[in-house]
Amino acid sequence: MPFPAFFDEVAPLRLRDGLAQLLGASDDGVIEYRYGDAVRLAGHSCPTVAGAWLSARAALRALYGDAMPERGAISVYLDDEENAGVTGVIGQVLTLVTGAAAANGFKGLGGRHARNRLLHYAAEGVSGARFRRNDTGRAVEVEIDASPIPGDPRQRVLLQQIMAGQADAAQRREFGRLWQDRVRRMLLEHADDPAVVRVRAVA
């Protein structure tokens, strides 16, 4: 079954990856990521995955402007432990887009293109996610607040029925449709909403 149609309406993120070019995965090093790639990685689409996507989008715009972002040249700092709440999911999506990996990431080739130790959890003094360009040191923090985008009140009742094993196929489909409608609104109607995506420069 295909993804919801709105996935294709979400603007892709394009970055240049020097390692991909060096190793022949891309002639020009440019890699395009789509929201569906984040969903494939996470295995689901939800406000957390959408929020991580929007965080990366906002940070890349703030740090690079109209220039092509450099994948693997960005450090990412998250404000909580890897196993706390949904922090690990956020970290995985940010690794996908930015290339920043924890200690288990690629260690480099000839002293270049290392991705390990660029993703940091429980970073002191960070609110949300901090992104830092390793070449210039310029940094921004992005916080996502999905509360201005409420879910449909019918979701609660439908979820209770599903968890109790009392929902039929139509009710399960309707729950999924309502769930994804909130994600759709996040990604398409509120991607540039400062009440939802809060970006600030870090000295």
Protein backbone atom coordinates (compact mmCIF):
# COMPACT_ATOMS: atom_id res chain seq x y z
CA MET A 1 0.00 0.00 0.00
CA PRO A 2 1.43 3.43 -0.90
CA PHE A 3 2.15 6.19 1.59
CA PRO A 4 -0.48 8.90 2.15
CA ALA A 5 -0.50 11.27 -0.82
CA PHE A 6 0.57 14.28 1.24
CA PHE A 7 4.01 12.75 1.80
CA ASP A 8 4.87 13.78 -1.76
CA GLU A 9 3.80 17.34 -1.05
CA VAL A 10 6.45 17.78 1.64
CA ALA A 11 9.43 19.57 0.11
CA PRO A 12 12.55 17.37 0.02
CA LEU A 13 15.81 18.25 1.76
CA ARG A 14 18.88 18.32 -0.51
CA LEU A 15 22.40 18.13 0.88
CA ARG A 16 25.87 17.57 -0.51
CA ASP A 17 27.70 14.60 0.98
CA GLY A 18 31.41 14.51 0.18
CA LEU A 19 31.74 10.91 1.30
CA ALA A 20 28.94 9.79 -1.01
CA GLN A 21 30.70 11.51 -3.90
CA LEU A 22 34.12 10.12 -2.97
CA LEU A 23 32.84 6.56 -2.81
CA GLY A 24 30.81 6.83 -6.01
CA ALA A 25 27.32 6.72 -4.51
CA SER A 26 26.54 10.07 -6.13
CA ASP A 27 28.42 11.69 -9.00
CA ASP A 28 27.96 15.20 -7.62
CA GLY A 29 27.55 14.23 -3.96
CA VAL A 30 24.02 15.59 -3.81
CA ILE A 31 21.53 13.47 -1.91
CA GLU A 32 17.83 14.24 -1.69
CA TYR A 33 15.86 13.11 1.33
CA ARG A 34 12.09 12.98 1.44
CA TYR A 35 9.75 12.70 4.39
CA GLY A 36 8.99 9.15 3.29
CA ASP A 37 12.65 8.28 3.93
CA ALA A 38 12.27 9.35 7.56
CA VAL A 39 9.10 7.27 7.81
CA ARG A 40 10.87 4.23 6.36
CA LEU A 41 13.62 4.66 8.94
CA ALA A 42 11.28 5.11 11.90
CA GLY A 43 8.71 2.63 10.65
CA HIS A 44 5.87 5.06 11.27
CA SER A 45 4.70 8.64 10.73
CA CYS A 46 3.80 10.70 13.78
CA PRO A 47 4.24 14.21 15.21
CA THR A 48 7.64 13.17 16.62
CA VAL A 49 8.99 12.07 13.23
CA ALA A 50 7.43 15.11 11.56
CA GLY A 51 8.86 17.36 14.25
CA ALA A 52 12.36 15.96 13.78
CA TRP A 53 12.02 16.52 10.03
CA LEU A 54 10.92 20.11 10.58
CA SER A 55 13.77 20.66 13.04
CA ALA A 56 16.33 19.57 10.46
CA ARG A 57 14.64 21.65 7.76
CA ALA A 58 14.61 24.79 9.90
CA ALA A 59 18.19 24.34 11.08
CA LEU A 60 19.57 23.78 7.58
CA ARG A 61 17.79 26.91 6.34
CA ALA A 62 19.08 28.98 9.23
CA LEU A 63 22.68 27.73 8.98
CA TYR A 64 23.11 27.63 5.20
CA GLY A 65 20.52 30.00 3.75
CA ASP A 66 20.37 29.44 0.00
CA ALA A 67 23.65 27.48 -0.05
CA MET A 68 23.70 23.68 -0.27
CA PRO A 69 24.05 22.18 3.23
CA GLU A 70 26.99 19.86 3.82
CA ARG A 71 25.94 16.48 5.18
CA GLY A 72 28.46 15.15 7.69
CA ALA A 73 29.65 18.66 8.57
CA ILE A 74 27.05 19.38 11.25
CA SER A 75 27.09 18.48 14.94
CA VAL A 76 23.75 17.84 16.63
CA TYR A 77 23.05 18.14 20.36
CA LEU A 78 19.84 16.87 21.97
CA ASP A 79 18.59 17.89 25.37
CA ASP A 80 17.76 14.46 26.79
CA GLU A 81 19.15 10.94 27.12
CA GLU A 82 18.98 8.66 24.10
CA ASN A 83 16.55 6.29 25.82
CA ALA A 84 14.31 9.02 27.27
CA GLY A 85 10.88 9.29 25.71
CA VAL A 86 11.08 9.86 21.96
CA THR A 87 14.60 11.33 21.96
CA GLY A 88 16.08 8.27 20.26
CA VAL A 89 13.58 8.49 17.41
CA ILE A 90 14.40 12.17 16.94
CA GLY A 91 18.11 11.37 16.93
CA GLN A 92 17.67 8.71 14.24
CA VAL A 93 15.83 11.08 11.92
CA LEU A 94 18.43 13.81 12.46
CA THR A 95 21.21 11.32 11.72
CA LEU A 96 19.48 10.41 8.47
CA VAL A 97 19.35 14.01 7.29
CA THR A 98 22.53 15.55 8.72
CA GLY A 99 24.81 12.51 8.83
CA ALA A 100 25.66 13.28 12.47
CA ALA A 101 26.05 9.96 14.29
CA ALA A 102 26.82 8.92 17.84
CA ALA A 103 29.92 6.96 18.84
CA ASN A 104 28.87 4.05 16.62
CA GLY A 105 28.97 6.12 13.41
CA PHE A 106 31.44 6.02 10.51
CA LYS A 107 34.92 6.83 11.80
CA GLY A 108 36.21 8.47 8.66
CA LEU A 109 38.55 7.78 5.79
CA GLY A 110 42.08 9.14 5.84
CA GLY A 111 41.15 11.51 8.62
CA ARG A 112 38.18 12.93 6.71
CA HIS A 113 34.42 12.41 6.53
CA ALA A 114 34.05 11.06 10.07
CA ARG A 115 30.44 10.97 11.22
CA ASN A 116 30.94 9.42 14.64
CA ARG A 117 30.64 11.57 17.76
CA LEU A 118 28.76 14.31 15.93
CA LEU A 119 25.44 13.42 17.63
CA HIS A 120 25.32 14.15 21.35
CA TYR A 121 22.59 13.23 23.81
CA ALA A 122 21.81 14.90 27.16
CA ALA A 123 23.81 17.93 26.12
CA GLU A 124 24.03 20.52 28.87
CA GLY A 125 22.32 23.84 28.28
CA VAL A 126 20.45 22.73 25.17
CA SER A 127 16.76 23.34 24.64
CA GLY A 128 15.28 21.01 22.03
CA ALA A 129 17.93 20.32 19.39
CA ARG A 130 21.07 22.34 18.69
CA PHE A 131 22.72 22.21 15.27
CA ARG A 132 26.27 23.54 14.78
CA ARG A 133 28.21 23.95 11.56
CA ASN A 134 31.61 22.45 12.17
CA ASP A 135 33.30 24.73 9.64
CA THR A 136 32.08 28.08 10.98
CA GLY A 137 30.90 27.22 14.49
CA ARG A 138 27.59 28.93 13.82
CA ALA A 139 24.75 27.28 15.75
CA VAL A 140 21.00 27.39 16.15
CA GLU A 141 18.55 25.68 18.45
CA VAL A 142 15.19 24.40 17.26
CA GLU A 143 12.28 23.51 19.50
CA ILE A 144 9.08 21.90 18.22
CA ASP A 145 5.74 22.54 19.90
CA ALA A 146 2.93 20.59 18.27
CA SER A 147 0.30 21.74 20.79
CA PRO A 148 -1.10 24.46 18.49
CA ILE A 149 -2.08 21.62 16.10
CA PRO A 150 -4.67 19.58 18.00
CA GLY A 151 -5.67 16.11 16.98
CA ASP A 152 -9.25 15.23 16.13
CA PRO A 153 -11.13 14.44 19.38
CA ARG A 154 -12.45 11.24 17.79
CA GLN A 155 -8.95 9.77 17.92
CA ARG A 156 -9.12 9.13 21.66
CA VAL A 157 -12.28 7.05 21.44
CA LEU A 158 -11.07 5.14 18.40
CA LEU A 159 -7.72 4.39 20.04
CA GLN A 160 -9.46 3.07 23.13
CA GLN A 161 -11.56 0.78 20.96
CA ILE A 162 -8.47 -0.42 19.08
CA MET A 163 -6.49 -1.10 22.27
CA ALA A 164 -9.47 -3.01 23.69
CA GLY A 165 -9.73 -5.12 20.54
CA GLN A 166 -13.20 -3.75 19.84
CA ALA A 167 -12.53 -1.76 16.64
CA ASP A 168 -13.39 -3.07 13.21
CA ALA A 169 -11.27 -2.51 10.08
CA ALA A 170 -13.09 0.69 9.14
CA GLN A 171 -12.55 2.18 12.58
CA ARG A 172 -8.84 1.31 12.49
CA ARG A 173 -8.51 2.95 9.09
CA GLU A 174 -10.33 6.03 10.32
CA PHE A 175 -7.98 6.32 13.30
CA GLY A 176 -4.98 6.15 10.97
CA ARG A 177 -6.49 8.75 8.67
CA LEU A 178 -7.14 11.15 11.53
CA TRP A 179 -3.64 10.54 12.95
CA GLN A 180 -2.00 11.31 9.64
CA ASP A 181 -4.15 14.40 9.11
CA ARG A 182 -2.48 16.00 12.12
CA VAL A 183 0.93 15.08 10.71
CA ARG A 184 -0.13 16.54 7.36
CA ARG A 185 -1.12 19.83 8.95
CA MET A 186 2.18 19.96 10.81
CA LEU A 187 4.27 19.42 7.70
CA LEU A 188 2.28 21.42 5.16
CA GLU A 189 0.43 24.15 7.05
CA HIS A 190 2.76 24.84 9.99
CA ALA A 191 6.27 24.16 8.65
CA ASP A 192 7.07 27.88 8.88
CA ASP A 193 4.85 28.66 11.85
CA PRO A 194 7.04 30.19 14.60
CA ALA A 195 4.55 28.99 17.21
CA VAL A 196 5.33 25.41 16.15
CA VAL A 197 8.92 25.59 14.90
CA ARG A 198 10.94 27.84 17.17
CA VAL A 199 14.41 28.72 15.93
CA ARG A 200 16.97 30.83 17.74
CA ALA A 201 20.62 31.58 17.15
CA VAL A 202 23.09 30.37 19.75
CA ALA A 203 26.15 32.44 20.56
